[in-house]
Amino acid sequence: MWEIPRRDRCGISIPGVQSDTKAIGGLLRFQNPWAEVDQWLLHALYHHDNDTFIVVSVPEELVPALMGHERRLAYMLGSVYLKFLGPTGKFTETPKKKGDSKGTDGPMDMTPMETGPALRRTRR
């Protein structure tokens, strides 16, 4: 029987207006091999002022590694920080607690994105 991996939904603010999701994923993957970016799923990409905000979900077992690096990911010549979607719908610096029934693994918006492919393709 297949078990669906539990995931935590996260947000990352990236400087500049970026639309190429493959380039974003490639940079994050290359500069942060410990984060296993190829296991993440991209849900949304938003542009706000001169920044890009991406919403991803990461497997629950990768959260300790992300916290061990203080949520910091190398990106180009600087760093970006990952935030976790909390039970109130706001992004926070701490992940949900295990067993929290009000977690972020509820229904996801599955409308297709117009901006590009996901960071990793899933089998159907």
PDB file of N, CA and C in Angstrom:
ATOM      1  N   MET A   1       0.837  -1.184   0.000  1.00  0.00           N
ATOM      2  CA  MET A   1       0.000   0.000   0.000  1.00  0.00           C
ATOM      3  C   MET A   1       0.884   1.250   0.000  1.00  0.00           C
ATOM      4  N   TRP A   2       0.508   2.235  -0.736  1.00  0.00           N
ATOM      5  CA  TRP A   2       1.257   3.479  -0.821  1.00  0.00           C
ATOM      6  C   TRP A   2       0.883   4.392   0.335  1.00  0.00           C
ATOM      7  N   GLU A   3       1.876   5.069   0.837  1.00  0.00           N
ATOM      8  CA  GLU A   3       1.619   6.060   1.873  1.00  0.00           C
ATOM      9  C   GLU A   3       2.001   7.430   1.317  1.00  0.00           C
ATOM     10  N   ILE A   4       1.103   8.363   1.427  1.00  0.00           N
ATOM     11  CA  ILE A   4       1.369   9.710   0.941  1.00  0.00           C
ATOM     12  C   ILE A   4       2.263  10.415   1.964  1.00  0.00           C
ATOM     13  N   PRO A   5       3.416  10.931   1.525  1.00  0.00           N
ATOM     14  CA  PRO A   5       4.303  11.595   2.485  1.00  0.00           C
ATOM     15  C   PRO A   5       3.671  12.874   3.022  1.00  0.00           C
ATOM     16  N   ARG A   6       3.872  13.095   4.298  1.00  0.00           N
ATOM     17  CA  ARG A   6       3.378  14.324   4.916  1.00  0.00           C
ATOM     18  C   ARG A   6       4.311  15.465   4.527  1.00  0.00           C
ATOM     19  N   ARG A   7       3.738  16.607   4.250  1.00  0.00           N
ATOM     20  CA  ARG A   7       4.509  17.758   3.795  1.00  0.00           C
ATOM     21  C   ARG A   7       4.120  18.997   4.596  1.00  0.00           C
ATOM     22  N   ASP A   8       5.066  19.902   4.721  1.00  0.00           N
ATOM     23  CA  ASP A   8       4.821  21.203   5.327  1.00  0.00           C
ATOM     24  C   ASP A   8       4.870  22.249   4.231  1.00  0.00           C
ATOM     25  N   ARG A   9       3.862  23.092   4.209  1.00  0.00           N
ATOM     26  CA  ARG A   9       3.834  24.157   3.214  1.00  0.00           C
ATOM     27  C   ARG A   9       4.665  25.329   3.719  1.00  0.00           C
ATOM     28  N   CYS A  10       5.487  25.865   2.824  1.00  0.00           N
ATOM     29  CA  CYS A  10       6.436  26.921   3.182  1.00  0.00           C
ATOM     30  C   CYS A  10       6.422  28.022   2.137  1.00  0.00           C
ATOM     31  N   GLY A  11       6.942  29.168   2.515  1.00  0.00           N
ATOM     32  CA  GLY A  11       7.080  30.289   1.598  1.00  0.00           C
ATOM     33  C   GLY A  11       8.494  30.821   1.609  1.00  0.00           C
ATOM     34  N   ILE A  12       8.942  31.292   0.458  1.00  0.00           N
ATOM     35  CA  ILE A  12      10.283  31.864   0.326  1.00  0.00           C
ATOM     36  C   ILE A  12      10.156  33.152  -0.477  1.00  0.00           C
ATOM     37  N   SER A  13      10.687  34.244   0.068  1.00  0.00           N
ATOM     38  CA  SER A  13      10.721  35.515  -0.657  1.00  0.00           C
ATOM     39  C   SER A  13      12.064  35.632  -1.348  1.00  0.00           C
ATOM     40  N   ILE A  14      12.023  35.793  -2.659  1.00  0.00           N
ATOM     41  CA  ILE A  14      13.228  35.850  -3.479  1.00  0.00           C
ATOM     42  C   ILE A  14      13.359  37.264  -4.043  1.00  0.00           C
ATOM     43  N   PRO A  15      14.536  37.877  -3.910  1.00  0.00           N
ATOM     44  CA  PRO A  15      14.691  39.234  -4.433  1.00  0.00           C
ATOM     45  C   PRO A  15      14.606  39.275  -5.956  1.00  0.00           C
ATOM     46  N   GLY A  16      13.987  40.317  -6.448  1.00  0.00           N
ATOM     47  CA  GLY A  16      13.855  40.495  -7.889  1.00  0.00           C
ATOM     48  C   GLY A  16      12.624  39.786  -8.430  1.00  0.00           C
ATOM     49  N   VAL A  17      12.238  40.163  -9.621  1.00  0.00           N
ATOM     50  CA  VAL A  17      11.089  39.539 -10.272  1.00  0.00           C
ATOM     51  C   VAL A  17      11.599  38.346 -11.068  1.00  0.00           C
ATOM     52  N   GLN A  18      11.279  37.158 -10.607  1.00  0.00           N
ATOM     53  CA  GLN A  18      11.698  35.916 -11.241  1.00  0.00           C
ATOM     54  C   GLN A  18      10.450  35.192 -11.734  1.00  0.00           C
ATOM     55  N   SER A  19      10.466  34.697 -12.936  1.00  0.00           N
ATOM     56  CA  SER A  19       9.328  33.941 -13.462  1.00  0.00           C
ATOM     57  C   SER A  19       9.718  32.529 -13.885  1.00  0.00           C
ATOM     58  N   ASP A  20      10.989  32.272 -14.018  1.00  0.00           N
ATOM     59  CA  ASP A  20      11.456  30.967 -14.478  1.00  0.00           C
ATOM     60  C   ASP A  20      11.609  30.023 -13.286  1.00  0.00           C
ATOM     61  N   THR A  21      10.616  29.182 -13.064  1.00  0.00           N
ATOM     62  CA  THR A  21      10.630  28.282 -11.906  1.00  0.00           C
ATOM     63  C   THR A  21      11.751  27.249 -12.005  1.00  0.00           C
ATOM     64  N   LYS A  22      12.118  26.867 -13.222  1.00  0.00           N
ATOM     65  CA  LYS A  22      13.238  25.925 -13.378  1.00  0.00           C
ATOM     66  C   LYS A  22      14.541  26.566 -12.926  1.00  0.00           C
ATOM     67  N   ALA A  23      14.734  27.829 -13.232  1.00  0.00           N
ATOM     68  CA  ALA A  23      15.953  28.524 -12.818  1.00  0.00           C
ATOM     69  C   ALA A  23      15.994  28.690 -11.300  1.00  0.00           C
ATOM     70  N   ILE A  24      14.865  29.035 -10.701  1.00  0.00           N
ATOM     71  CA  ILE A  24      14.796  29.171  -9.240  1.00  0.00           C
ATOM     72  C   ILE A  24      15.121  27.831  -8.581  1.00  0.00           C
ATOM     73  N   GLY A  25      14.466  26.778  -9.048  1.00  0.00           N
ATOM     74  CA  GLY A  25      14.703  25.445  -8.494  1.00  0.00           C
ATOM     75  C   GLY A  25      16.128  24.989  -8.701  1.00  0.00           C
ATOM     76  N   GLY A  26      16.681  25.271  -9.872  1.00  0.00           N
ATOM     77  CA  GLY A  26      18.051  24.874 -10.162  1.00  0.00           C
ATOM     78  C   GLY A  26      19.059  25.565  -9.256  1.00  0.00           C
ATOM     79  N   LEU A  27      18.881  26.865  -9.034  1.00  0.00           N
ATOM     80  CA  LEU A  27      19.775  27.594  -8.141  1.00  0.00           C
ATOM     81  C   LEU A  27      19.682  27.062  -6.712  1.00  0.00           C
ATOM     82  N   LEU A  28      18.456  26.883  -6.225  1.00  0.00           N
ATOM     83  CA  LEU A  28      18.284  26.368  -4.865  1.00  0.00           C
ATOM     84  C   LEU A  28      18.871  24.962  -4.727  1.00  0.00           C
ATOM     85  N   ARG A  29      18.660  24.132  -5.738  1.00  0.00           N
ATOM     86  CA  ARG A  29      19.162  22.752  -5.708  1.00  0.00           C
ATOM     87  C   ARG A  29      20.693  22.732  -5.732  1.00  0.00           C
ATOM     88  N   PHE A  30      21.306  23.526  -6.602  1.00  0.00           N
ATOM     89  CA  PHE A  30      22.758  23.539  -6.755  1.00  0.00           C
ATOM     90  C   PHE A  30      23.458  24.104  -5.523  1.00  0.00           C
ATOM     91  N   GLN A  31      22.900  25.180  -4.959  1.00  0.00           N
ATOM     92  CA  GLN A  31      23.571  25.847  -3.841  1.00  0.00           C
ATOM     93  C   GLN A  31      23.231  25.245  -2.476  1.00  0.00           C
ATOM     94  N   ASN A  32      22.230  24.375  -2.404  1.00  0.00           N
ATOM     95  CA  ASN A  32      21.804  23.795  -1.129  1.00  0.00           C
ATOM     96  C   ASN A  32      21.557  22.300  -1.277  1.00  0.00           C
ATOM     97  N   PRO A  33      22.593  21.509  -1.577  1.00  0.00           N
ATOM     98  CA  PRO A  33      22.368  20.075  -1.784  1.00  0.00           C
ATOM     99  C   PRO A  33      21.798  19.371  -0.554  1.00  0.00           C
ATOM    100  N   TRP A  34      22.088  19.878   0.634  1.00  0.00           N
ATOM    101  CA  TRP A  34      21.582  19.298   1.872  1.00  0.00           C
ATOM    102  C   TRP A  34      20.059  19.435   1.997  1.00  0.00           C
ATOM    103  N   ALA A  35      19.441  20.400   1.301  1.00  0.00           N
ATOM    104  CA  ALA A  35      18.005  20.671   1.432  1.00  0.00           C
ATOM    105  C   ALA A  35      17.143  19.756   0.562  1.00  0.00           C
ATOM    106  N   GLU A  36      17.764  18.974  -0.325  1.00  0.00           N
ATOM    107  CA  GLU A  36      17.040  18.047  -1.199  1.00  0.00           C
ATOM    108  C   GLU A  36      15.860  18.727  -1.909  1.00  0.00           C
ATOM    109  N   VAL A  37      16.162  19.834  -2.560  1.00  0.00           N
ATOM    110  CA  VAL A  37      15.145  20.646  -3.235  1.00  0.00           C
ATOM    111  C   VAL A  37      14.372  19.849  -4.287  1.00  0.00           C
ATOM    112  N   ASP A  38      14.988  18.825  -4.858  1.00  0.00           N
ATOM    113  CA  ASP A  38      14.282  18.037  -5.869  1.00  0.00           C
ATOM    114  C   ASP A  38      13.100  17.261  -5.289  1.00  0.00           C
ATOM    115  N   GLN A  39      12.965  17.205  -3.960  1.00  0.00           N
ATOM    116  CA  GLN A  39      11.813  16.565  -3.338  1.00  0.00           C
ATOM    117  C   GLN A  39      10.700  17.561  -3.009  1.00  0.00           C
ATOM    118  N   TRP A  40      10.933  18.842  -3.224  1.00  0.00           N
ATOM    119  CA  TRP A  40       9.933  19.863  -2.944  1.00  0.00           C
ATOM    120  C   TRP A  40       8.926  19.932  -4.085  1.00  0.00           C
ATOM    121  N   LEU A  41       7.755  20.440  -3.783  1.00  0.00           N
ATOM    122  CA  LEU A  41       6.735  20.706  -4.806  1.00  0.00           C
ATOM    123  C   LEU A  41       6.400  22.189  -4.796  1.00  0.00           C
ATOM    124  N   LEU A  42       6.311  22.775  -5.964  1.00  0.00           N
ATOM    125  CA  LEU A  42       5.961  24.183  -6.100  1.00  0.00           C
ATOM    126  C   LEU A  42       4.448  24.299  -6.242  1.00  0.00           C
ATOM    127  N   HIS A  43       3.850  25.183  -5.435  1.00  0.00           N
ATOM    128  CA  HIS A  43       2.403  25.378  -5.496  1.00  0.00           C
ATOM    129  C   HIS A  43       2.010  26.706  -6.134  1.00  0.00           C
ATOM    130  N   ALA A  44       2.797  27.746  -5.870  1.00  0.00           N
ATOM    131  CA  ALA A  44       2.418  29.056  -6.400  1.00  0.00           C
ATOM    132  C   ALA A  44       3.642  29.957  -6.496  1.00  0.00           C
ATOM    133  N   LEU A  45       3.550  30.943  -7.366  1.00  0.00           N
ATOM    134  CA  LEU A  45       4.584  31.956  -7.545  1.00  0.00           C
ATOM    135  C   LEU A  45       3.857  33.286  -7.668  1.00  0.00           C
ATOM    136  N   TYR A  46       4.214  34.239  -6.811  1.00  0.00           N
ATOM    137  CA  TYR A  46       3.570  35.549  -6.807  1.00  0.00           C
ATOM    138  C   TYR A  46       4.634  36.626  -6.956  1.00  0.00           C
ATOM    139  N   HIS A  47       4.283  37.710  -7.653  1.00  0.00           N
ATOM    140  CA  HIS A  47       5.165  38.867  -7.751  1.00  0.00           C
ATOM    141  C   HIS A  47       4.557  39.975  -6.914  1.00  0.00           C
ATOM    142  N   HIS A  48       5.396  40.565  -6.069  1.00  0.00           N
ATOM    143  CA  HIS A  48       4.952  41.663  -5.217  1.00  0.00           C
ATOM    144  C   HIS A  48       6.043  42.725  -5.213  1.00  0.00           C
ATOM    145  N   ASP A  49       5.713  43.905  -5.689  1.00  0.00           N
ATOM    146  CA  ASP A  49       6.687  44.981  -5.857  1.00  0.00           C
ATOM    147  C   ASP A  49       7.863  44.457  -6.693  1.00  0.00           C
ATOM    148  N   ASN A  50       9.057  44.441  -6.152  1.00  0.00           N
ATOM    149  CA  ASN A  50      10.219  43.968  -6.900  1.00  0.00           C
ATOM    150  C   ASN A  50      10.710  42.627  -6.395  1.00  0.00           C
ATOM    151  N   ASP A  51       9.849  41.855  -5.763  1.00  0.00           N
ATOM    152  CA  ASP A  51      10.224  40.555  -5.218  1.00  0.00           C
ATOM    153  C   ASP A  51       9.316  39.458  -5.760  1.00  0.00           C
ATOM    154  N   THR A  52       9.772  38.232  -5.597  1.00  0.00           N
ATOM    155  CA  THR A  52       9.003  37.052  -5.990  1.00  0.00           C
ATOM    156  C   THR A  52       8.798  36.213  -4.741  1.00  0.00           C
ATOM    157  N   PHE A  53       7.584  35.761  -4.529  1.00  0.00           N
ATOM    158  CA  PHE A  53       7.271  34.900  -3.384  1.00  0.00           C
ATOM    159  C   PHE A  53       6.815  33.556  -3.921  1.00  0.00           C
ATOM    160  N   ILE A  54       7.483  32.484  -3.512  1.00  0.00           N
ATOM    161  CA  ILE A  54       7.078  31.157  -3.956  1.00  0.00           C
ATOM    162  C   ILE A  54       6.542  30.370  -2.763  1.00  0.00           C
ATOM    163  N   VAL A  55       5.538  29.567  -3.029  1.00  0.00           N
ATOM    164  CA  VAL A  55       4.959  28.679  -2.019  1.00  0.00           C
ATOM    165  C   VAL A  55       5.297  27.262  -2.439  1.00  0.00           C
ATOM    166  N   VAL A  56       5.977  26.543  -1.543  1.00  0.00           N
ATOM    167  CA  VAL A  56       6.397  25.171  -1.808  1.00  0.00           C
ATOM    168  C   VAL A  56       5.940  24.286  -0.654  1.00  0.00           C
ATOM    169  N   SER A  57       5.952  22.989  -0.884  1.00  0.00           N
ATOM    170  CA  SER A  57       5.768  22.059   0.234  1.00  0.00           C
ATOM    171  C   SER A  57       6.980  21.151   0.274  1.00  0.00           C
ATOM    172  N   VAL A  58       7.472  20.935   1.481  1.00  0.00           N
ATOM    173  CA  VAL A  58       8.658  20.105   1.679  1.00  0.00           C
ATOM    174  C   VAL A  58       8.268  18.889   2.507  1.00  0.00           C
ATOM    175  N   PRO A  59       8.883  17.733   2.255  1.00  0.00           N
ATOM    176  CA  PRO A  59       8.589  16.556   3.067  1.00  0.00           C
ATOM    177  C   PRO A  59       8.901  16.835   4.543  1.00  0.00           C
ATOM    178  N   GLU A  60       8.051  16.329   5.404  1.00  0.00           N
ATOM    179  CA  GLU A  60       8.188  16.565   6.842  1.00  0.00           C
ATOM    180  C   GLU A  60       9.555  16.143   7.375  1.00  0.00           C
ATOM    181  N   GLU A  61      10.142  15.091   6.790  1.00  0.00           N
ATOM    182  CA  GLU A  61      11.427  14.610   7.305  1.00  0.00           C
ATOM    183  C   GLU A  61      12.585  15.553   6.980  1.00  0.00           C
ATOM    184  N   LEU A  62      12.393  16.538   6.092  1.00  0.00           N
ATOM    185  CA  LEU A  62      13.444  17.504   5.774  1.00  0.00           C
ATOM    186  C   LEU A  62      13.411  18.729   6.681  1.00  0.00           C
ATOM    187  N   VAL A  63      12.349  18.897   7.449  1.00  0.00           N
ATOM    188  CA  VAL A  63      12.204  20.075   8.306  1.00  0.00           C
ATOM    189  C   VAL A  63      13.349  20.191   9.317  1.00  0.00           C
ATOM    190  N   PRO A  64      13.776  19.108  10.002  1.00  0.00           N
ATOM    191  CA  PRO A  64      14.897  19.265  10.944  1.00  0.00           C
ATOM    192  C   PRO A  64      16.177  19.793  10.278  1.00  0.00           C
ATOM    193  N   ALA A  65      16.460  19.367   9.064  1.00  0.00           N
ATOM    194  CA  ALA A  65      17.646  19.870   8.353  1.00  0.00           C
ATOM    195  C   ALA A  65      17.493  21.356   8.049  1.00  0.00           C
ATOM    196  N   LEU A  66      16.299  21.775   7.640  1.00  0.00           N
ATOM    197  CA  LEU A  66      16.048  23.190   7.357  1.00  0.00           C
ATOM    198  C   LEU A  66      16.191  24.026   8.624  1.00  0.00           C
ATOM    199  N   MET A  67      15.675  23.516   9.735  1.00  0.00           N
ATOM    200  CA  MET A  67      15.793  24.233  11.002  1.00  0.00           C
ATOM    201  C   MET A  67      17.249  24.244  11.486  1.00  0.00           C
ATOM    202  N   GLY A  68      17.983  23.170  11.215  1.00  0.00           N
ATOM    203  CA  GLY A  68      19.392  23.105  11.585  1.00  0.00           C
ATOM    204  C   GLY A  68      20.236  24.151  10.869  1.00  0.00           C
ATOM    205  N   HIS A  69      19.793  24.556   9.694  1.00  0.00           N
ATOM    206  CA  HIS A  69      20.466  25.624   8.947  1.00  0.00           C
ATOM    207  C   HIS A  69      19.783  26.973   9.186  1.00  0.00           C
ATOM    208  N   GLU A  70      18.979  27.045  10.245  1.00  0.00           N
ATOM    209  CA  GLU A  70      18.260  28.272  10.638  1.00  0.00           C
ATOM    210  C   GLU A  70      17.383  28.816   9.523  1.00  0.00           C
ATOM    211  N   ARG A  71      16.780  27.903   8.738  1.00  0.00           N
ATOM    212  CA  ARG A  71      15.859  28.235   7.652  1.00  0.00           C
ATOM    213  C   ARG A  71      16.539  28.994   6.525  1.00  0.00           C
ATOM    214  N   ARG A  72      17.853  29.100   6.530  1.00  0.00           N
ATOM    215  CA  ARG A  72      18.599  29.888   5.548  1.00  0.00           C
ATOM    216  C   ARG A  72      18.993  29.026   4.361  1.00  0.00           C
ATOM    217  N   LEU A  73      18.712  29.533   3.179  1.00  0.00           N
ATOM    218  CA  LEU A  73      19.095  28.867   1.931  1.00  0.00           C
ATOM    219  C   LEU A  73      19.969  29.824   1.132  1.00  0.00           C
ATOM    220  N   ALA A  74      21.066  29.309   0.606  1.00  0.00           N
ATOM    221  CA  ALA A  74      21.897  30.129  -0.269  1.00  0.00           C
ATOM    222  C   ALA A  74      21.138  30.368  -1.571  1.00  0.00           C
ATOM    223  N   TYR A  75      21.177  31.605  -2.052  1.00  0.00           N
ATOM    224  CA  TYR A  75      20.523  31.934  -3.318  1.00  0.00           C
ATOM    225  C   TYR A  75      21.343  33.022  -3.996  1.00  0.00           C
ATOM    226  N   MET A  76      21.901  32.714  -5.144  1.00  0.00           N
ATOM    227  CA  MET A  76      22.808  33.596  -5.878  1.00  0.00           C
ATOM    228  C   MET A  76      23.965  33.979  -4.955  1.00  0.00           C
ATOM    229  N   LEU A  77      24.181  35.263  -4.701  1.00  0.00           N
ATOM    230  CA  LEU A  77      25.294  35.697  -3.859  1.00  0.00           C
ATOM    231  C   LEU A  77      24.854  36.013  -2.427  1.00  0.00           C
ATOM    232  N   GLY A  78      23.625  35.658  -2.083  1.00  0.00           N
ATOM    233  CA  GLY A  78      23.118  35.955  -0.754  1.00  0.00           C
ATOM    234  C   GLY A  78      22.355  34.785  -0.174  1.00  0.00           C
ATOM    235  N   SER A  79      21.413  35.112   0.694  1.00  0.00           N
ATOM    236  CA  SER A  79      20.595  34.092   1.350  1.00  0.00           C
ATOM    237  C   SER A  79      19.125  34.475   1.273  1.00  0.00           C
ATOM    238  N   VAL A  80      18.277  33.467   1.257  1.00  0.00           N
ATOM    239  CA  VAL A  80      16.836  33.646   1.402  1.00  0.00           C
ATOM    240  C   VAL A  80      16.408  32.777   2.578  1.00  0.00           C
ATOM    241  N   TYR A  81      15.305  33.135   3.191  1.00  0.00           N
ATOM    242  CA  TYR A  81      14.831  32.409   4.359  1.00  0.00           C
ATOM    243  C   TYR A  81      13.480  31.776   4.087  1.00  0.00           C
ATOM    244  N   LEU A  82      13.337  30.564   4.553  1.00  0.00           N
ATOM    245  CA  LEU A  82      12.119  29.799   4.386  1.00  0.00           C
ATOM    246  C   LEU A  82      11.232  30.040   5.598  1.00  0.00           C
ATOM    247  N   LYS A  83       9.943  30.237   5.387  1.00  0.00           N
ATOM    248  CA  LYS A  83       8.978  30.364   6.484  1.00  0.00           C
ATOM    249  C   LYS A  83       7.917  29.290   6.310  1.00  0.00           C
ATOM    250  N   PHE A  84       7.336  28.865   7.423  1.00  0.00           N
ATOM    251  CA  PHE A  84       6.350  27.791   7.435  1.00  0.00           C
ATOM    252  C   PHE A  84       4.938  28.361   7.550  1.00  0.00           C
ATOM    253  N   LEU A  85       4.015  27.772   6.810  1.00  0.00           N
ATOM    254  CA  LEU A  85       2.624  28.191   6.888  1.00  0.00           C
ATOM    255  C   LEU A  85       2.044  27.688   8.200  1.00  0.00           C
ATOM    256  N   GLY A  86       1.546  28.608   9.010  1.00  0.00           N
ATOM    257  CA  GLY A  86       0.990  28.256  10.315  1.00  0.00           C
ATOM    258  C   GLY A  86      -0.499  27.980  10.236  1.00  0.00           C
ATOM    259  N   PRO A  87      -1.084  27.542  11.346  1.00  0.00           N
ATOM    260  CA  PRO A  87      -2.507  27.196  11.359  1.00  0.00           C
ATOM    261  C   PRO A  87      -3.435  28.384  11.113  1.00  0.00           C
ATOM    262  N   THR A  88      -2.935  29.618  11.303  1.00  0.00           N
ATOM    263  CA  THR A  88      -3.775  30.795  11.066  1.00  0.00           C
ATOM    264  C   THR A  88      -3.696  31.279   9.623  1.00  0.00           C
ATOM    265  N   GLY A  89      -2.856  30.610   8.808  1.00  0.00           N
ATOM    266  CA  GLY A  89      -2.725  31.006   7.416  1.00  0.00           C
ATOM    267  C   GLY A  89      -1.600  31.988   7.165  1.00  0.00           C
ATOM    268  N   LYS A  90      -0.858  32.360   8.218  1.00  0.00           N
ATOM    269  CA  LYS A  90       0.281  33.260   8.065  1.00  0.00           C
ATOM    270  C   LYS A  90       1.569  32.452   8.101  1.00  0.00           C
ATOM    271  N   PHE A  91       2.580  32.955   7.422  1.00  0.00           N
ATOM    272  CA  PHE A  91       3.880  32.291   7.400  1.00  0.00           C
ATOM    273  C   PHE A  91       4.670  32.693   8.639  1.00  0.00           C
ATOM    274  N   THR A  92       5.208  31.687   9.338  1.00  0.00           N
ATOM    275  CA  THR A  92       5.931  31.910  10.587  1.00  0.00           C
ATOM    276  C   THR A  92       7.322  31.284  10.515  1.00  0.00           C
ATOM    277  N   GLU A  93       8.124  31.546  11.543  1.00  0.00           N
ATOM    278  CA  GLU A  93       9.488  31.028  11.570  1.00  0.00           C
ATOM    279  C   GLU A  93       9.586  29.622  12.138  1.00  0.00           C
ATOM    280  N   THR A  94       8.518  29.100  12.699  1.00  0.00           N
ATOM    281  CA  THR A  94       8.558  27.759  13.287  1.00  0.00           C
ATOM    282  C   THR A  94       7.576  26.839  12.561  1.00  0.00           C
ATOM    283  N   PRO A  95       7.969  25.581  12.379  1.00  0.00           N
ATOM    284  CA  PRO A  95       7.053  24.632  11.720  1.00  0.00           C
ATOM    285  C   PRO A  95       5.938  24.218  12.657  1.00  0.00           C
ATOM    286  N   LYS A  96       4.907  23.620  12.071  1.00  0.00           N
ATOM    287  CA  LYS A  96       3.822  23.101  12.896  1.00  0.00           C
ATOM    288  C   LYS A  96       4.345  21.970  13.768  1.00  0.00           C
ATOM    289  N   LYS A  97       3.686  21.745  14.871  1.00  0.00           N
ATOM    290  CA  LYS A  97       4.093  20.658  15.754  1.00  0.00           C
ATOM    291  C   LYS A  97       3.554  19.346  15.233  1.00  0.00           C
ATOM    292  N   LYS A  98       4.326  18.275  15.429  1.00  0.00           N
ATOM    293  CA  LYS A  98       3.854  16.954  14.999  1.00  0.00           C
ATOM    294  C   LYS A  98       2.567  16.623  15.729  1.00  0.00           C
ATOM    295  N   GLY A  99       1.621  16.068  14.989  1.00  0.00           N
ATOM    296  CA  GLY A  99       0.347  15.689  15.576  1.00  0.00           C
ATOM    297  C   GLY A  99      -0.635  16.845  15.679  1.00  0.00           C
ATOM    298  N   ASP A 100      -0.249  18.028  15.211  1.00  0.00           N
ATOM    299  CA  ASP A 100      -1.146  19.180  15.237  1.00  0.00           C
ATOM    300  C   ASP A 100      -2.222  18.979  14.183  1.00  0.00           C
ATOM    301  N   SER A 101      -3.442  18.800  14.618  1.00  0.00           N
ATOM    302  CA  SER A 101      -4.526  18.523  13.673  1.00  0.00           C
ATOM    303  C   SER A 101      -4.890  19.746  12.854  1.00  0.00           C
ATOM    304  N   LYS A 102      -4.441  20.920  13.263  1.00  0.00           N
ATOM    305  CA  LYS A 102      -4.712  22.136  12.504  1.00  0.00           C
ATOM    306  C   LYS A 102      -3.522  22.492  11.639  1.00  0.00           C
ATOM    307  N   GLY A 103      -2.800  21.499  11.166  1.00  0.00           N
ATOM    308  CA  GLY A 103      -1.589  21.701  10.380  1.00  0.00           C
ATOM    309  C   GLY A 103      -1.869  22.200   8.985  1.00  0.00           C
ATOM    310  N   THR A 104      -0.841  22.154   8.162  1.00  0.00           N
ATOM    311  CA  THR A 104      -0.932  22.708   6.816  1.00  0.00           C
ATOM    312  C   THR A 104      -1.158  21.642   5.762  1.00  0.00           C
ATOM    313  N   ASP A 105      -1.452  20.418   6.190  1.00  0.00           N
ATOM    314  CA  ASP A 105      -1.585  19.355   5.196  1.00  0.00           C
ATOM    315  C   ASP A 105      -3.035  19.134   4.787  1.00  0.00           C
ATOM    316  N   GLY A 106      -3.839  20.187   4.871  1.00  0.00           N
ATOM    317  CA  GLY A 106      -5.226  20.105   4.452  1.00  0.00           C
ATOM    318  C   GLY A 106      -5.342  20.203   2.947  1.00  0.00           C
ATOM    319  N   PRO A 107      -6.529  20.519   2.447  1.00  0.00           N
ATOM    320  CA  PRO A 107      -6.721  20.584   1.003  1.00  0.00           C
ATOM    321  C   PRO A 107      -5.843  21.654   0.363  1.00  0.00           C
ATOM    322  N   MET A 108      -5.308  21.328  -0.790  1.00  0.00           N
ATOM    323  CA  MET A 108      -4.444  22.259  -1.515  1.00  0.00           C
ATOM    324  C   MET A 108      -5.171  22.793  -2.735  1.00  0.00           C
ATOM    325  N   ASP A 109      -4.830  24.002  -3.113  1.00  0.00           N
ATOM    326  CA  ASP A 109      -5.364  24.588  -4.336  1.00  0.00           C
ATOM    327  C   ASP A 109      -4.654  23.925  -5.513  1.00  0.00           C
ATOM    328  N   MET A 110      -5.387  23.173  -6.306  1.00  0.00           N
ATOM    329  CA  MET A 110      -4.780  22.404  -7.386  1.00  0.00           C
ATOM    330  C   MET A 110      -4.974  23.043  -8.759  1.00  0.00           C
ATOM    331  N   THR A 111      -5.332  24.336  -8.794  1.00  0.00           N
ATOM    332  CA  THR A 111      -5.468  24.995 -10.083  1.00  0.00           C
ATOM    333  C   THR A 111      -4.091  25.125 -10.731  1.00  0.00           C
ATOM    334  N   PRO A 112      -3.994  24.860 -12.036  1.00  0.00           N
ATOM    335  CA  PRO A 112      -2.685  24.894 -12.699  1.00  0.00           C
ATOM    336  C   PRO A 112      -2.101  26.296 -12.709  1.00  0.00           C
ATOM    337  N   MET A 113      -0.786  26.352 -12.615  1.00  0.00           N
ATOM    338  CA  MET A 113      -0.083  27.628 -12.669  1.00  0.00           C
ATOM    339  C   MET A 113       0.182  27.997 -14.115  1.00  0.00           C
ATOM    340  N   GLU A 114       0.175  29.280 -14.397  1.00  0.00           N
ATOM    341  CA  GLU A 114       0.473  29.744 -15.747  1.00  0.00           C
ATOM    342  C   GLU A 114       1.932  30.144 -15.889  1.00  0.00           C
ATOM    343  N   THR A 115       2.686  30.152 -14.773  1.00  0.00           N
ATOM    344  CA  THR A 115       4.031  30.705 -14.807  1.00  0.00           C
ATOM    345  C   THR A 115       5.100  29.693 -15.153  1.00  0.00           C
ATOM    346  N   GLY A 116       4.831  28.406 -15.124  1.00  0.00           N
ATOM    347  CA  GLY A 116       5.863  27.443 -15.484  1.00  0.00           C
ATOM    348  C   GLY A 116       5.694  26.132 -14.760  1.00  0.00           C
ATOM    349  N   PRO A 117       6.584  25.187 -15.012  1.00  0.00           N
ATOM    350  CA  PRO A 117       6.476  23.865 -14.398  1.00  0.00           C
ATOM    351  C   PRO A 117       6.893  23.879 -12.935  1.00  0.00           C
ATOM    352  N   ALA A 118       6.580  22.813 -12.247  1.00  0.00           N
ATOM    353  CA  ALA A 118       6.963  22.667 -10.847  1.00  0.00           C
ATOM    354  C   ALA A 118       8.462  22.445 -10.732  1.00  0.00           C
ATOM    355  N   LEU A 119       8.974  22.590  -9.523  1.00  0.00           N
ATOM    356  CA  LEU A 119      10.386  22.336  -9.293  1.00  0.00           C
ATOM    357  C   LEU A 119      10.718  20.875  -9.571  1.00  0.00           C
ATOM    358  N   ARG A 120       9.752  20.017  -9.338  1.00  0.00           N
ATOM    359  CA  ARG A 120       9.944  18.584  -9.592  1.00  0.00           C
ATOM    360  C   ARG A 120       8.644  18.046 -10.151  1.00  0.00           C
ATOM    361  N   ARG A 121       8.745  17.274 -11.177  1.00  0.00           N
ATOM    362  CA  ARG A 121       7.551  16.680 -11.750  1.00  0.00           C
ATOM    363  C   ARG A 121       7.187  15.424 -10.990  1.00  0.00           C
ATOM    364  N   THR A 122       5.907  15.213 -10.806  1.00  0.00           N
ATOM    365  CA  THR A 122       5.449  14.017 -10.103  1.00  0.00           C
ATOM    366  C   THR A 122       4.843  13.052 -11.091  1.00  0.00           C
ATOM    367  N   ARG A 123       4.912  11.797 -10.775  1.00  0.00           N
ATOM    368  CA  ARG A 123       4.294  10.787 -11.634  1.00  0.00           C
ATOM    369  C   ARG A 123       2.795  10.745 -11.391  1.00  0.00           C
ATOM    370  N   ARG A 124       2.078  10.489 -12.421  1.00  0.00           N
ATOM    371  CA  ARG A 124       0.614  10.426 -12.283  1.00  0.00           C
ATOM    372  C   ARG A 124       0.166   9.020 -12.494  1.00  0.00           C
TER     373      ARG A 124
END
